[in-house]
């Protein structure tokens, strides 16, 4: 089954209301990626989002805070740089996934016990100045990995079929979901386009 994972991106107002709408859509998981918050503010927000997700049967994934993931009994997603530092010390104890940008990074994440990979960015993204890695890159990661691989970056209704055809287990969407006035309708349209 192809999964849709929402990745949060701070919006000026109505953050929790938007998360509630996203949790009411057909997303499978939400990665709480709020990198600018202090650990205390992140924890407070995580507890609120955890309650929203639990009420709707959606998995919450903690981003960037290994100790909090362990404390709350939730999975953890790590950006590459943090993963690289922690893996050298051998101190990752939570069930975790890693953002990867090359086959070499994917290999190391698998070797050090990751449970899933997020590979990207696949298509052009306004916030990224680098060239997208493309569907061929995603296919390469999917072929080499025994783990679920999720594509990220510039994914929309028009190109999501390419993500599914690459062999990916799903797609991660950030801005498009966080800014959508109708996340449920948007996710439904995404899923229709891969069936």
C-alpha atoms as a PDB file:
ATOM      1  CA  UNK A   1       0.000   0.000   0.000  1.00  0.00           C
ATOM      2  CA  UNK A   2       1.334   3.422  -0.983  1.00  0.00           C
ATOM      3  CA  UNK A   3       1.600   5.758   2.019  1.00  0.00           C
ATOM      4  CA  UNK A   4       1.257   9.516   2.271  1.00  0.00           C
ATOM      5  CA  UNK A   5       3.323  11.106   5.026  1.00  0.00           C
ATOM      6  CA  UNK A   6       2.725  14.715   6.041  1.00  0.00           C
ATOM      7  CA  UNK A   7       5.803  16.679   7.096  1.00  0.00           C
ATOM      8  CA  UNK A   8       4.976  19.795   9.082  1.00  0.00           C
ATOM      9  CA  UNK A   9       6.181  23.218   8.074  1.00  0.00           C
ATOM     10  CA  UNK A  10       5.379  26.160  10.325  1.00  0.00           C
ATOM     11  CA  UNK A  11       2.522  28.309   9.093  1.00  0.00           C
ATOM     12  CA  UNK A  12       1.863  31.795  10.483  1.00  0.00           C
ATOM     13  CA  UNK A  13      -1.420  30.959  12.207  1.00  0.00           C
ATOM     14  CA  UNK A  14      -3.801  28.059  12.705  1.00  0.00           C
ATOM     15  CA  UNK A  15      -1.055  25.416  12.946  1.00  0.00           C
ATOM     16  CA  UNK A  16      -2.981  22.975  15.139  1.00  0.00           C
ATOM     17  CA  UNK A  17      -6.180  23.490  13.141  1.00  0.00           C
ATOM     18  CA  UNK A  18      -4.281  22.584   9.969  1.00  0.00           C
ATOM     19  CA  UNK A  19      -2.733  19.547  11.641  1.00  0.00           C
ATOM     20  CA  UNK A  20      -6.245  18.485  12.662  1.00  0.00           C
ATOM     21  CA  UNK A  21      -7.418  18.766   9.052  1.00  0.00           C
ATOM     22  CA  UNK A  22      -4.408  16.783   7.837  1.00  0.00           C
ATOM     23  CA  UNK A  23      -4.992  14.114  10.475  1.00  0.00           C
ATOM     24  CA  UNK A  24      -8.591  13.847   9.224  1.00  0.00           C
ATOM     25  CA  UNK A  25      -7.360  13.099   5.704  1.00  0.00           C
ATOM     26  CA  UNK A  26      -6.010   9.751   4.537  1.00  0.00           C
ATOM     27  CA  UNK A  27      -2.394  10.430   5.529  1.00  0.00           C
ATOM     28  CA  UNK A  28      -0.660   7.537   7.248  1.00  0.00           C
ATOM     29  CA  UNK A  29       1.774   9.502   9.400  1.00  0.00           C
ATOM     30  CA  UNK A  30       2.811  13.011  10.391  1.00  0.00           C
ATOM     31  CA  UNK A  31       6.460  13.957  10.902  1.00  0.00           C
ATOM     32  CA  UNK A  32       6.580  16.894  13.322  1.00  0.00           C
ATOM     33  CA  UNK A  33       9.448  18.813  11.720  1.00  0.00           C
ATOM     34  CA  UNK A  34       9.617  22.079  13.639  1.00  0.00           C
ATOM     35  CA  UNK A  35      13.331  22.779  13.720  1.00  0.00           C
ATOM     36  CA  UNK A  36      13.147  26.337  15.047  1.00  0.00           C
ATOM     37  CA  UNK A  37      11.482  25.491  18.366  1.00  0.00           C
ATOM     38  CA  UNK A  38      13.327  25.130  21.652  1.00  0.00           C
ATOM     39  CA  UNK A  39      13.279  21.584  23.078  1.00  0.00           C
ATOM     40  CA  UNK A  40      10.634  22.631  25.637  1.00  0.00           C
ATOM     41  CA  UNK A  41       8.346  24.249  23.046  1.00  0.00           C
ATOM     42  CA  UNK A  42       8.833  21.302  20.704  1.00  0.00           C
ATOM     43  CA  UNK A  43       7.885  18.867  23.479  1.00  0.00           C
ATOM     44  CA  UNK A  44       4.763  20.891  24.359  1.00  0.00           C
ATOM     45  CA  UNK A  45       3.712  20.962  20.714  1.00  0.00           C
ATOM     46  CA  UNK A  46       4.478  17.261  20.288  1.00  0.00           C
ATOM     47  CA  UNK A  47       2.147  16.392  23.164  1.00  0.00           C
ATOM     48  CA  UNK A  48      -0.684  18.387  21.548  1.00  0.00           C
ATOM     49  CA  UNK A  49      -0.087  16.864  18.122  1.00  0.00           C
ATOM     50  CA  UNK A  50       0.226  13.394  19.639  1.00  0.00           C
ATOM     51  CA  UNK A  51      -3.252  13.757  21.139  1.00  0.00           C
ATOM     52  CA  UNK A  52      -4.665  14.910  17.775  1.00  0.00           C
ATOM     53  CA  UNK A  53      -3.038  11.983  15.994  1.00  0.00           C
ATOM     54  CA  UNK A  54      -4.104   9.424  18.582  1.00  0.00           C
ATOM     55  CA  UNK A  55      -7.737  10.535  18.325  1.00  0.00           C
ATOM     56  CA  UNK A  56      -7.617   9.955  14.572  1.00  0.00           C
ATOM     57  CA  UNK A  57      -5.465   6.810  14.467  1.00  0.00           C
ATOM     58  CA  UNK A  58      -2.549   8.540  12.736  1.00  0.00           C
ATOM     59  CA  UNK A  59       1.083   7.781  13.555  1.00  0.00           C
ATOM     60  CA  UNK A  60       3.121  10.720  14.864  1.00  0.00           C
ATOM     61  CA  UNK A  61       6.851  10.699  14.123  1.00  0.00           C
ATOM     62  CA  UNK A  62       9.180  12.888  16.175  1.00  0.00           C
ATOM     63  CA  UNK A  63      11.816  14.801  14.201  1.00  0.00           C
ATOM     64  CA  UNK A  64      15.282  15.654  15.471  1.00  0.00           C
ATOM     65  CA  UNK A  65      14.673  14.825  19.189  1.00  0.00           C
ATOM     66  CA  UNK A  66      15.827  11.257  20.019  1.00  0.00           C
ATOM     67  CA  UNK A  67      15.271  11.530  23.769  1.00  0.00           C
ATOM     68  CA  UNK A  68      11.716  12.795  23.320  1.00  0.00           C
ATOM     69  CA  UNK A  69      10.907   9.989  20.881  1.00  0.00           C
ATOM     70  CA  UNK A  70      12.039   7.477  23.495  1.00  0.00           C
ATOM     71  CA  UNK A  71      10.153   9.234  26.286  1.00  0.00           C
ATOM     72  CA  UNK A  72       6.893   9.293  24.312  1.00  0.00           C
ATOM     73  CA  UNK A  73       7.371   5.863  22.761  1.00  0.00           C
ATOM     74  CA  UNK A  74       7.186   7.291  19.252  1.00  0.00           C
ATOM     75  CA  UNK A  75       9.250   6.674  16.121  1.00  0.00           C
ATOM     76  CA  UNK A  76      11.971   9.164  15.239  1.00  0.00           C
ATOM     77  CA  UNK A  77      13.040  10.752  11.973  1.00  0.00           C
ATOM     78  CA  UNK A  78      16.559  12.123  11.683  1.00  0.00           C
ATOM     79  CA  UNK A  79      18.072  14.567   9.201  1.00  0.00           C
ATOM     80  CA  UNK A  80      21.299  13.204   7.735  1.00  0.00           C
ATOM     81  CA  UNK A  81      23.709  15.407   9.723  1.00  0.00           C
ATOM     82  CA  UNK A  82      22.211  14.488  13.099  1.00  0.00           C
ATOM     83  CA  UNK A  83      22.049  10.809  12.158  1.00  0.00           C
ATOM     84  CA  UNK A  84      25.708  10.827  11.083  1.00  0.00           C
ATOM     85  CA  UNK A  85      26.787  12.279  14.437  1.00  0.00           C
ATOM     86  CA  UNK A  86      24.622   9.969  16.543  1.00  0.00           C
ATOM     87  CA  UNK A  87      25.469   6.821  14.580  1.00  0.00           C
ATOM     88  CA  UNK A  88      29.203   7.373  15.152  1.00  0.00           C
ATOM     89  CA  UNK A  89      28.486   7.361  18.884  1.00  0.00           C
ATOM     90  CA  UNK A  90      26.142   4.361  18.623  1.00  0.00           C
ATOM     91  CA  UNK A  91      23.457   6.008  20.768  1.00  0.00           C
ATOM     92  CA  UNK A  92      20.279   5.856  18.678  1.00  0.00           C
ATOM     93  CA  UNK A  93      17.809   3.805  20.704  1.00  0.00           C
ATOM     94  CA  UNK A  94      14.445   4.724  19.148  1.00  0.00           C
ATOM     95  CA  UNK A  95      12.884   3.161  16.051  1.00  0.00           C
ATOM     96  CA  UNK A  96      14.134   5.623  13.425  1.00  0.00           C
ATOM     97  CA  UNK A  97      14.248   6.693   9.805  1.00  0.00           C
ATOM     98  CA  UNK A  98      16.794   8.892   8.026  1.00  0.00           C
ATOM     99  CA  UNK A  99      16.769  11.512   5.269  1.00  0.00           C
ATOM    100  CA  UNK A 100      19.245  10.458   2.569  1.00  0.00           C
ATOM    101  CA  UNK A 101      20.618  12.224  -0.494  1.00  0.00           C
ATOM    102  CA  UNK A 102      22.866   9.600  -2.089  1.00  0.00           C
ATOM    103  CA  UNK A 103      23.233   5.810  -2.344  1.00  0.00           C
ATOM    104  CA  UNK A 104      26.195   6.031   0.048  1.00  0.00           C
ATOM    105  CA  UNK A 105      24.067   7.746   2.692  1.00  0.00           C
ATOM    106  CA  UNK A 106      21.316   5.171   2.178  1.00  0.00           C
ATOM    107  CA  UNK A 107      23.823   2.336   2.649  1.00  0.00           C
ATOM    108  CA  UNK A 108      25.132   3.811   5.910  1.00  0.00           C
ATOM    109  CA  UNK A 109      21.622   4.462   7.268  1.00  0.00           C
ATOM    110  CA  UNK A 110      20.658   0.844   6.555  1.00  0.00           C
ATOM    111  CA  UNK A 111      23.911  -0.448   8.062  1.00  0.00           C
ATOM    112  CA  UNK A 112      23.300   1.507  11.283  1.00  0.00           C
ATOM    113  CA  UNK A 113      19.781   0.216  11.870  1.00  0.00           C
ATOM    114  CA  UNK A 114      17.365   2.623  10.181  1.00  0.00           C
ATOM    115  CA  UNK A 115      13.821   1.339   9.694  1.00  0.00           C
ATOM    116  CA  UNK A 116      12.956   3.562   6.708  1.00  0.00           C
ATOM    117  CA  UNK A 117      14.548   6.109   4.373  1.00  0.00           C
ATOM    118  CA  UNK A 118      13.280   9.424   3.032  1.00  0.00           C
ATOM    119  CA  UNK A 119      15.085  10.178  -0.237  1.00  0.00           C
ATOM    120  CA  UNK A 120      15.117  13.530  -1.947  1.00  0.00           C
ATOM    121  CA  UNK A 121      14.600  16.023  -3.098  1.00  0.00           C
ATOM    122  CA  UNK A 122      13.052  14.453  -6.187  1.00  0.00           C
ATOM    123  CA  UNK A 123      11.391  17.327  -8.076  1.00  0.00           C
ATOM    124  CA  UNK A 124      12.143  21.072  -8.083  1.00  0.00           C
ATOM    125  CA  UNK A 125      11.333  22.846  -4.809  1.00  0.00           C
ATOM    126  CA  UNK A 126      11.203  26.627  -4.345  1.00  0.00           C
ATOM    127  CA  UNK A 127      13.029  26.455  -1.017  1.00  0.00           C
ATOM    128  CA  UNK A 128      15.965  24.450  -2.435  1.00  0.00           C
ATOM    129  CA  UNK A 129      18.683  26.009  -4.565  1.00  0.00           C
ATOM    130  CA  UNK A 130      20.094  22.631  -5.587  1.00  0.00           C
ATOM    131  CA  UNK A 131      19.061  20.650  -8.637  1.00  0.00           C
ATOM    132  CA  UNK A 132      16.488  17.935  -7.890  1.00  0.00           C
ATOM    133  CA  UNK A 133      17.852  14.397  -7.800  1.00  0.00           C
ATOM    134  CA  UNK A 134      15.008  13.010  -9.911  1.00  0.00           C
ATOM    135  CA  UNK A 135      13.004   9.821 -10.117  1.00  0.00           C
ATOM    136  CA  UNK A 136      15.968   7.813 -11.373  1.00  0.00           C
ATOM    137  CA  UNK A 137      17.782   8.541  -8.097  1.00  0.00           C
ATOM    138  CA  UNK A 138      14.710   7.461  -6.110  1.00  0.00           C
ATOM    139  CA  UNK A 139      14.479   4.219  -8.112  1.00  0.00           C
ATOM    140  CA  UNK A 140      18.142   3.515  -7.395  1.00  0.00           C
ATOM    141  CA  UNK A 141      17.607   3.929  -3.657  1.00  0.00           C
ATOM    142  CA  UNK A 142      14.492   1.721  -3.786  1.00  0.00           C
ATOM    143  CA  UNK A 143      16.369  -1.039  -5.628  1.00  0.00           C
ATOM    144  CA  UNK A 144      19.289  -1.068  -3.171  1.00  0.00           C
ATOM    145  CA  UNK A 145      17.182  -0.821  -0.014  1.00  0.00           C
ATOM    146  CA  UNK A 146      15.397  -3.626   1.794  1.00  0.00           C
ATOM    147  CA  UNK A 147      13.698  -0.877   3.838  1.00  0.00           C
ATOM    148  CA  UNK A 148      10.671   1.220   2.848  1.00  0.00           C
ATOM    149  CA  UNK A 149      11.789   4.297   0.904  1.00  0.00           C
ATOM    150  CA  UNK A 150       9.695   7.474   0.698  1.00  0.00           C
ATOM    151  CA  UNK A 151      10.253  10.190  -1.880  1.00  0.00           C
ATOM    152  CA  UNK A 152      10.200  13.859  -0.860  1.00  0.00           C
ATOM    153  CA  UNK A 153      10.442  17.185  -2.623  1.00  0.00           C
ATOM    154  CA  UNK A 154       8.112  18.871  -5.080  1.00  0.00           C
ATOM    155  CA  UNK A 155       5.597  16.027  -5.155  1.00  0.00           C
ATOM    156  CA  UNK A 156       2.142  16.952  -6.405  1.00  0.00           C
ATOM    157  CA  UNK A 157      -0.955  15.541  -8.066  1.00  0.00           C
ATOM    158  CA  UNK A 158       0.685  15.646 -11.507  1.00  0.00           C
ATOM    159  CA  UNK A 159       3.873  13.751 -10.633  1.00  0.00           C
ATOM    160  CA  UNK A 160       2.983  11.452  -7.735  1.00  0.00           C
ATOM    161  CA  UNK A 161       2.447   8.507 -10.091  1.00  0.00           C
ATOM    162  CA  UNK A 162       6.178   8.681 -10.942  1.00  0.00           C
ATOM    163  CA  UNK A 163       6.970   8.274  -7.249  1.00  0.00           C
ATOM    164  CA  UNK A 164       4.776   5.174  -7.045  1.00  0.00           C
ATOM    165  CA  UNK A 165       6.266   3.755 -10.253  1.00  0.00           C
ATOM    166  CA  UNK A 166       9.799   4.180  -8.863  1.00  0.00           C
ATOM    167  CA  UNK A 167       9.137   1.467  -6.299  1.00  0.00           C
ATOM    168  CA  UNK A 168       8.822   3.876  -3.372  1.00  0.00           C
ATOM    169  CA  UNK A 169       6.647   2.862  -0.430  1.00  0.00           C
ATOM    170  CA  UNK A 170       5.127   6.330  -0.381  1.00  0.00           C
ATOM    171  CA  UNK A 171       5.557  10.069  -0.600  1.00  0.00           C
ATOM    172  CA  UNK A 172       6.297  12.777   1.959  1.00  0.00           C
ATOM    173  CA  UNK A 173       4.595  16.126   1.402  1.00  0.00           C
ATOM    174  CA  UNK A 174       5.246  19.308   3.314  1.00  0.00           C
ATOM    175  CA  UNK A 175       4.206  22.742   2.004  1.00  0.00           C
ATOM    176  CA  UNK A 176       1.453  21.479  -0.285  1.00  0.00           C
ATOM    177  CA  UNK A 177      -0.322  19.783   2.625  1.00  0.00           C
ATOM    178  CA  UNK A 178       0.404  22.433   5.227  1.00  0.00           C
ATOM    179  CA  UNK A 179      -0.963  25.160   2.954  1.00  0.00           C
ATOM    180  CA  UNK A 180      -3.899  23.244   1.501  1.00  0.00           C
ATOM    181  CA  UNK A 181      -7.346  24.597   2.417  1.00  0.00           C
ATOM    182  CA  UNK A 182      -8.689  21.053   1.945  1.00  0.00           C
ATOM    183  CA  UNK A 183      -6.061  18.443   2.910  1.00  0.00           C
ATOM    184  CA  UNK A 184      -8.582  15.588   2.773  1.00  0.00           C
ATOM    185  CA  UNK A 185      -9.565  16.445  -0.801  1.00  0.00           C
ATOM    186  CA  UNK A 186      -5.933  16.950  -1.789  1.00  0.00           C
ATOM    187  CA  UNK A 187      -4.807  13.585  -0.364  1.00  0.00           C
ATOM    188  CA  UNK A 188      -7.763  11.845  -2.008  1.00  0.00           C
ATOM    189  CA  UNK A 189      -6.726  13.325  -5.368  1.00  0.00           C
ATOM    190  CA  UNK A 190      -3.125  12.198  -4.819  1.00  0.00           C
ATOM    191  CA  UNK A 191      -4.244   8.641  -4.114  1.00  0.00           C
ATOM    192  CA  UNK A 192      -6.575   8.577  -7.102  1.00  0.00           C
ATOM    193  CA  UNK A 193      -3.648   9.520  -9.336  1.00  0.00           C
ATOM    194  CA  UNK A 194      -1.585   6.498  -8.301  1.00  0.00           C
ATOM    195  CA  UNK A 195      -4.355   3.901  -8.542  1.00  0.00           C
END
